[in-house]
N, C-alpha and C. Protein backbone atom coordinates (compact mmCIF):
# COMPACT_ATOMS: atom_id res chain seq x y z
N VAL A 1 12.79 89.51 -109.67
CA VAL A 1 11.72 89.85 -108.81
C VAL A 1 12.29 90.56 -107.65
N GLY A 2 11.78 91.81 -107.32
CA GLY A 2 12.35 92.48 -106.15
C GLY A 2 11.52 92.32 -104.96
N GLY A 3 11.85 93.05 -103.97
CA GLY A 3 11.12 93.04 -102.65
C GLY A 3 10.40 94.35 -102.35
N VAL A 4 10.47 94.88 -101.04
CA VAL A 4 9.68 95.87 -100.66
C VAL A 4 10.13 97.29 -101.47
N ASN A 5 11.40 97.39 -101.60
CA ASN A 5 11.89 98.61 -102.33
C ASN A 5 11.88 98.45 -103.89
N LEU A 6 11.63 97.27 -104.40
CA LEU A 6 11.61 97.09 -105.85
C LEU A 6 10.51 95.99 -106.05
N PRO A 7 9.26 96.35 -105.83
CA PRO A 7 8.25 95.24 -106.12
C PRO A 7 7.68 95.15 -107.57
N TYR A 8 8.79 94.61 -108.36
CA TYR A 8 8.57 94.44 -109.78
C TYR A 8 9.01 93.11 -110.12
N LEU A 9 8.43 92.64 -111.26
CA LEU A 9 8.81 91.43 -111.95
C LEU A 9 9.32 91.84 -113.35
N ILE A 10 10.55 91.34 -113.56
CA ILE A 10 11.18 91.78 -114.97
C ILE A 10 11.00 90.55 -115.79
N PHE A 11 10.36 90.71 -116.95
CA PHE A 11 10.14 89.59 -117.92
C PHE A 11 10.80 89.92 -119.22
N LYS A 12 11.55 88.86 -119.75
CA LYS A 12 12.12 89.10 -121.02
C LYS A 12 12.06 87.73 -121.78
N SER A 13 11.61 87.82 -122.99
CA SER A 13 11.50 86.58 -123.82
C SER A 13 12.94 86.16 -124.30
N LEU A 14 13.32 84.92 -124.15
CA LEU A 14 14.65 84.41 -124.68
C LEU A 14 14.57 84.11 -126.18
N LYS A 15 13.20 83.97 -126.68
CA LYS A 15 13.06 83.60 -128.04
C LYS A 15 13.18 84.85 -129.00
N GLU A 16 12.76 85.92 -128.50
CA GLU A 16 12.72 87.20 -129.37
C GLU A 16 13.81 88.16 -128.77
N LYS A 17 14.21 88.94 -129.67
CA LYS A 17 15.20 90.00 -129.27
C LYS A 17 14.37 91.21 -128.95
N SER A 18 13.83 91.30 -127.73
CA SER A 18 12.99 92.43 -127.41
C SER A 18 13.56 93.02 -126.11
N GLU A 19 13.06 94.24 -125.75
CA GLU A 19 13.47 94.80 -124.49
C GLU A 19 12.61 94.07 -123.35
N PRO A 20 13.18 93.96 -122.17
CA PRO A 20 12.39 93.34 -121.03
C PRO A 20 11.24 94.37 -120.65
N PHE A 21 10.26 93.66 -120.22
CA PHE A 21 9.01 94.31 -119.63
C PHE A 21 9.14 94.37 -118.15
N LEU A 22 8.71 95.48 -117.55
CA LEU A 22 8.73 95.58 -116.15
C LEU A 22 7.30 95.71 -115.57
N TYR A 23 6.84 94.67 -114.82
CA TYR A 23 5.57 94.59 -114.27
C TYR A 23 5.59 94.92 -112.77
N ARG A 24 4.62 95.85 -112.24
CA ARG A 24 4.57 96.08 -110.87
C ARG A 24 3.83 94.97 -110.29
N LEU A 25 4.17 94.37 -109.15
CA LEU A 25 3.56 93.14 -108.53
C LEU A 25 2.22 93.79 -107.92
N PRO A 26 1.30 92.98 -107.62
CA PRO A 26 0.11 93.27 -106.94
C PRO A 26 0.34 94.03 -105.64
N THR A 27 -0.49 94.83 -105.31
CA THR A 27 -0.49 95.71 -104.07
C THR A 27 -0.35 94.62 -102.89
N GLY A 28 0.55 94.92 -102.06
CA GLY A 28 0.78 94.08 -100.83
C GLY A 28 1.88 92.96 -100.94
N CYS A 29 2.32 92.73 -102.14
CA CYS A 29 3.41 91.82 -102.44
C CYS A 29 4.70 92.45 -102.07
N ARG A 30 5.45 91.74 -101.19
CA ARG A 30 6.78 92.26 -100.88
C ARG A 30 7.84 91.31 -101.14
N GLY A 31 7.62 90.59 -102.32
CA GLY A 31 8.50 89.73 -102.92
C GLY A 31 7.75 88.46 -103.28
N VAL A 32 8.33 87.43 -103.80
CA VAL A 32 7.77 86.31 -104.37
C VAL A 32 8.49 85.07 -103.80
N ASP A 33 7.56 84.20 -103.06
CA ASP A 33 8.01 83.02 -102.56
C ASP A 33 8.12 81.82 -103.58
N ARG A 34 7.27 81.86 -104.48
CA ARG A 34 7.20 80.90 -105.59
C ARG A 34 6.61 81.42 -106.70
N LEU A 35 7.13 81.16 -107.95
CA LEU A 35 6.56 81.74 -109.27
C LEU A 35 6.60 80.62 -110.37
N GLN A 36 5.55 80.44 -111.08
CA GLN A 36 5.54 79.54 -112.20
C GLN A 36 4.76 79.94 -113.31
N MET A 37 5.42 79.99 -114.44
CA MET A 37 4.75 80.35 -115.72
C MET A 37 3.82 79.22 -116.20
N LEU A 38 2.63 79.42 -116.37
CA LEU A 38 1.76 78.41 -116.79
C LEU A 38 1.76 78.13 -118.36
N ARG A 39 1.14 77.02 -118.68
CA ARG A 39 1.28 76.65 -120.09
C ARG A 39 0.94 77.58 -121.10
N ASP A 40 0.02 78.52 -121.00
CA ASP A 40 -0.32 79.47 -122.03
C ASP A 40 0.69 80.55 -122.20
N GLN A 41 1.67 80.70 -121.23
CA GLN A 41 2.77 81.62 -121.35
C GLN A 41 2.43 82.99 -121.11
N ASN A 42 1.21 83.31 -120.82
CA ASN A 42 0.66 84.64 -120.35
C ASN A 42 0.13 84.65 -118.94
N LEU A 43 0.16 83.57 -118.31
CA LEU A 43 -0.34 83.57 -116.85
C LEU A 43 0.88 83.12 -115.96
N LEU A 44 1.00 83.80 -114.86
CA LEU A 44 1.91 83.56 -113.80
C LEU A 44 1.20 83.12 -112.53
N ALA A 45 1.58 82.00 -111.96
CA ALA A 45 1.03 81.59 -110.59
C ALA A 45 2.10 82.01 -109.57
N VAL A 46 1.67 82.86 -108.69
CA VAL A 46 2.65 83.40 -107.79
C VAL A 46 2.12 83.22 -106.21
N ILE A 47 3.06 82.85 -105.30
CA ILE A 47 2.77 82.95 -103.87
C ILE A 47 3.56 83.98 -103.28
N SER A 48 2.93 84.98 -102.68
CA SER A 48 3.66 86.17 -102.06
C SER A 48 2.88 86.39 -100.73
N GLU A 49 3.70 86.44 -99.65
CA GLU A 49 3.24 86.83 -98.31
C GLU A 49 2.14 85.75 -97.90
N GLY A 50 2.20 84.59 -98.31
CA GLY A 50 1.14 83.65 -97.81
C GLY A 50 -0.14 83.60 -98.68
N PHE A 51 -0.15 84.46 -99.75
CA PHE A 51 -1.35 84.54 -100.65
C PHE A 51 -0.99 84.11 -102.01
N PHE A 52 -2.02 83.50 -102.62
CA PHE A 52 -1.87 82.98 -104.07
C PHE A 52 -2.45 83.91 -105.01
N TYR A 53 -1.71 84.22 -106.02
CA TYR A 53 -2.12 85.08 -107.23
C TYR A 53 -2.03 84.38 -108.52
N LEU A 54 -2.99 84.55 -109.43
CA LEU A 54 -2.84 84.13 -110.71
C LEU A 54 -2.77 85.44 -111.51
N ILE A 55 -1.70 85.84 -112.12
CA ILE A 55 -1.62 87.11 -112.82
C ILE A 55 -1.41 86.97 -114.27
N ASP A 56 -1.87 87.91 -115.07
CA ASP A 56 -1.95 87.79 -116.54
C ASP A 56 -0.87 88.90 -117.02
N ILE A 57 -0.04 88.46 -117.80
CA ILE A 57 1.03 89.41 -118.38
C ILE A 57 0.68 89.72 -119.79
N SER A 58 -0.32 89.35 -120.35
CA SER A 58 -0.50 89.38 -121.88
C SER A 58 -1.02 90.71 -122.33
N TYR A 59 -1.11 91.60 -121.50
CA TYR A 59 -1.49 93.06 -121.64
C TYR A 59 -0.60 94.01 -122.11
N SER A 60 0.71 93.45 -122.30
CA SER A 60 1.89 94.39 -122.57
C SER A 60 1.84 94.75 -124.04
N THR A 61 2.44 95.89 -124.24
CA THR A 61 2.53 96.43 -125.65
C THR A 61 3.96 96.93 -125.80
N ALA A 62 4.42 97.09 -126.92
CA ALA A 62 5.81 97.51 -127.27
C ALA A 62 5.99 98.96 -126.68
N THR A 63 4.96 99.72 -126.50
CA THR A 63 5.25 101.10 -126.06
C THR A 63 5.12 101.23 -124.49
N GLU A 64 4.49 100.13 -123.85
CA GLU A 64 4.46 100.36 -122.50
C GLU A 64 5.38 99.27 -121.83
N LYS A 65 6.54 99.78 -121.37
CA LYS A 65 7.57 98.89 -120.69
C LYS A 65 7.37 98.77 -119.34
N LYS A 66 6.61 99.55 -118.69
CA LYS A 66 6.42 99.51 -117.16
C LYS A 66 4.80 99.56 -116.79
N GLN A 67 4.46 98.58 -116.25
CA GLN A 67 2.88 98.52 -115.87
C GLN A 67 2.57 97.57 -114.75
N SER A 68 1.30 97.79 -114.34
CA SER A 68 0.84 96.75 -113.23
C SER A 68 0.46 95.51 -113.96
N VAL A 69 0.60 94.39 -113.19
CA VAL A 69 0.00 93.17 -113.76
C VAL A 69 -1.51 93.15 -113.55
N VAL A 70 -2.19 92.27 -114.23
CA VAL A 70 -3.65 92.14 -114.15
C VAL A 70 -3.74 90.87 -113.34
N VAL A 71 -4.42 91.03 -112.12
CA VAL A 71 -4.61 89.86 -111.16
C VAL A 71 -5.99 89.14 -111.64
N LYS A 72 -5.81 87.97 -112.07
CA LYS A 72 -6.94 87.19 -112.42
C LYS A 72 -7.59 86.39 -111.38
N LEU A 73 -6.82 86.04 -110.42
CA LEU A 73 -7.27 85.30 -109.21
C LEU A 73 -6.42 85.49 -107.90
N ASN A 74 -7.07 85.71 -106.91
CA ASN A 74 -6.40 86.07 -105.68
C ASN A 74 -7.05 85.30 -104.59
N ILE A 75 -6.25 84.22 -103.96
CA ILE A 75 -6.86 83.51 -102.89
C ILE A 75 -6.16 83.68 -101.70
N ARG A 76 -6.85 84.03 -100.61
CA ARG A 76 -6.36 84.23 -99.22
C ARG A 76 -7.14 83.29 -98.38
N ILE A 77 -6.36 82.47 -97.60
CA ILE A 77 -7.20 81.55 -96.74
C ILE A 77 -6.95 81.96 -95.26
N PRO A 78 -8.09 82.21 -94.63
CA PRO A 78 -8.17 82.89 -93.25
C PRO A 78 -7.30 82.00 -92.33
N HIS A 79 -6.44 82.72 -91.57
CA HIS A 79 -5.69 82.18 -90.50
C HIS A 79 -4.53 81.16 -90.96
N GLU A 80 -4.35 80.93 -92.27
CA GLU A 80 -3.32 80.14 -92.78
C GLU A 80 -2.64 80.72 -93.93
N GLN A 81 -1.34 80.39 -94.32
CA GLN A 81 -0.51 80.93 -95.35
C GLN A 81 -0.42 79.88 -96.44
N VAL A 82 -0.58 80.33 -97.62
CA VAL A 82 -0.38 79.31 -98.77
C VAL A 82 1.10 79.14 -98.89
N LYS A 83 1.57 77.86 -98.94
CA LYS A 83 2.92 77.54 -99.00
C LYS A 83 3.33 76.90 -100.38
N THR A 84 2.49 76.29 -100.96
CA THR A 84 2.72 75.60 -102.24
C THR A 84 1.41 75.49 -103.10
N PHE A 85 1.65 75.26 -104.30
CA PHE A 85 0.47 75.04 -105.27
C PHE A 85 0.88 74.06 -106.39
N ASP A 86 -0.15 73.63 -106.98
CA ASP A 86 0.11 72.90 -108.22
C ASP A 86 -1.27 73.13 -109.11
N ILE A 87 -0.92 73.28 -110.50
CA ILE A 87 -2.07 73.42 -111.39
C ILE A 87 -1.81 72.24 -112.43
N ASP A 88 -2.90 71.56 -112.73
CA ASP A 88 -2.74 70.31 -113.69
C ASP A 88 -2.42 70.80 -115.09
N GLN A 89 -2.08 69.92 -115.93
CA GLN A 89 -1.57 70.19 -117.29
C GLN A 89 -2.77 70.83 -118.05
N ASN A 90 -3.92 70.38 -117.83
CA ASN A 90 -5.14 71.07 -118.46
C ASN A 90 -5.65 72.37 -117.94
N MET A 91 -4.87 72.75 -116.90
CA MET A 91 -5.41 74.05 -116.26
C MET A 91 -6.82 74.03 -115.85
N THR A 92 -7.32 72.89 -115.27
CA THR A 92 -8.75 72.74 -114.75
C THR A 92 -8.62 72.73 -113.22
N THR A 93 -7.65 72.32 -112.62
CA THR A 93 -7.62 72.06 -111.11
C THR A 93 -6.41 72.82 -110.51
N LEU A 94 -6.73 73.42 -109.52
CA LEU A 94 -5.71 74.13 -108.69
C LEU A 94 -5.62 73.61 -107.26
N VAL A 95 -4.55 73.25 -106.88
CA VAL A 95 -4.42 72.59 -105.42
C VAL A 95 -3.45 73.66 -104.59
N LEU A 96 -3.90 73.98 -103.54
CA LEU A 96 -3.12 74.83 -102.61
C LEU A 96 -2.76 74.01 -101.33
N GLY A 97 -1.59 74.11 -100.84
CA GLY A 97 -1.07 73.64 -99.60
C GLY A 97 -0.76 74.68 -98.62
N THR A 98 -1.17 74.49 -97.41
CA THR A 98 -0.96 75.70 -96.39
C THR A 98 0.02 75.33 -95.31
N ASN A 99 0.43 76.23 -94.49
CA ASN A 99 1.40 76.10 -93.50
C ASN A 99 0.83 75.10 -92.46
N ALA A 100 -0.55 75.01 -92.42
CA ALA A 100 -1.14 74.25 -91.33
C ALA A 100 -1.26 72.70 -91.81
N GLY A 101 -0.92 72.42 -92.91
CA GLY A 101 -1.02 71.13 -93.52
C GLY A 101 -2.20 70.83 -94.21
N ASN A 102 -3.12 71.78 -94.40
CA ASN A 102 -4.45 71.64 -95.24
C ASN A 102 -4.05 71.73 -96.60
N VAL A 103 -4.91 71.09 -97.34
CA VAL A 103 -4.89 71.06 -98.88
C VAL A 103 -6.39 71.53 -99.29
N PHE A 104 -6.24 72.47 -100.29
CA PHE A 104 -7.54 73.07 -100.84
C PHE A 104 -7.55 72.75 -102.30
N ILE A 105 -8.56 72.28 -102.80
CA ILE A 105 -8.65 71.97 -104.26
C ILE A 105 -9.82 72.84 -104.84
N TYR A 106 -9.45 73.45 -105.95
CA TYR A 106 -10.29 74.44 -106.55
C TYR A 106 -10.57 74.02 -108.08
N ASP A 107 -11.71 74.20 -108.48
CA ASP A 107 -11.99 74.02 -109.94
C ASP A 107 -11.57 75.44 -110.55
N LEU A 108 -10.53 75.44 -111.30
CA LEU A 108 -9.90 76.70 -111.77
C LEU A 108 -10.90 77.53 -112.62
N ALA A 109 -11.58 76.99 -113.45
CA ALA A 109 -12.51 77.74 -114.31
C ALA A 109 -13.55 78.49 -113.41
N LYS A 110 -14.11 77.64 -112.57
CA LYS A 110 -15.10 78.26 -111.56
C LYS A 110 -14.49 79.33 -110.65
N ALA A 111 -13.25 79.12 -110.09
CA ALA A 111 -12.69 80.09 -109.31
C ALA A 111 -12.43 81.54 -110.18
N LEU A 112 -11.99 81.25 -111.34
CA LEU A 112 -11.77 82.50 -112.25
C LEU A 112 -13.03 83.22 -112.50
N GLU A 113 -14.03 82.45 -112.79
CA GLU A 113 -15.39 83.08 -112.98
C GLU A 113 -15.88 83.86 -111.83
N ASN A 114 -15.62 83.19 -110.61
CA ASN A 114 -16.22 83.77 -109.38
C ASN A 114 -15.30 85.11 -109.11
N GLU A 115 -14.07 85.04 -109.28
CA GLU A 115 -13.23 86.30 -109.19
C GLU A 115 -13.76 87.36 -110.20
N ARG A 116 -13.98 87.06 -111.46
CA ARG A 116 -14.43 88.02 -112.43
C ARG A 116 -15.74 88.66 -111.88
N ILE A 117 -16.68 87.87 -111.29
CA ILE A 117 -17.95 88.40 -110.90
C ILE A 117 -17.78 89.27 -109.85
N ILE A 118 -16.83 88.93 -108.88
CA ILE A 118 -16.58 89.73 -107.70
C ILE A 118 -16.05 91.04 -108.06
N ASN A 119 -15.03 91.09 -109.11
CA ASN A 119 -14.48 92.26 -109.52
C ASN A 119 -15.39 93.08 -110.34
């Protein structure tokens, strides 16, 4: 994962002998503070610049080695920065912790549906 001059995520499967994919991070990301691949292996949970992103990398093809990620969920909490997160094993609940010590709990399915409607 790069920073301001290289805002990309390089993804390579260790199971397959394939070329790495290069994904452009969402606009505004200047690096990644925390990254976790989720259970379905196509979703990445990311904290960048105090914002939480859930990004989908399943749209890659063998011919497209460089592309933008698809942001499925973007959470920005006013006047606070997201510092940590956790998603339960069933991928139903998202918990965000902020720099002010607040904890926010989201129903992940409802949050994804609201984001889809907004987009």
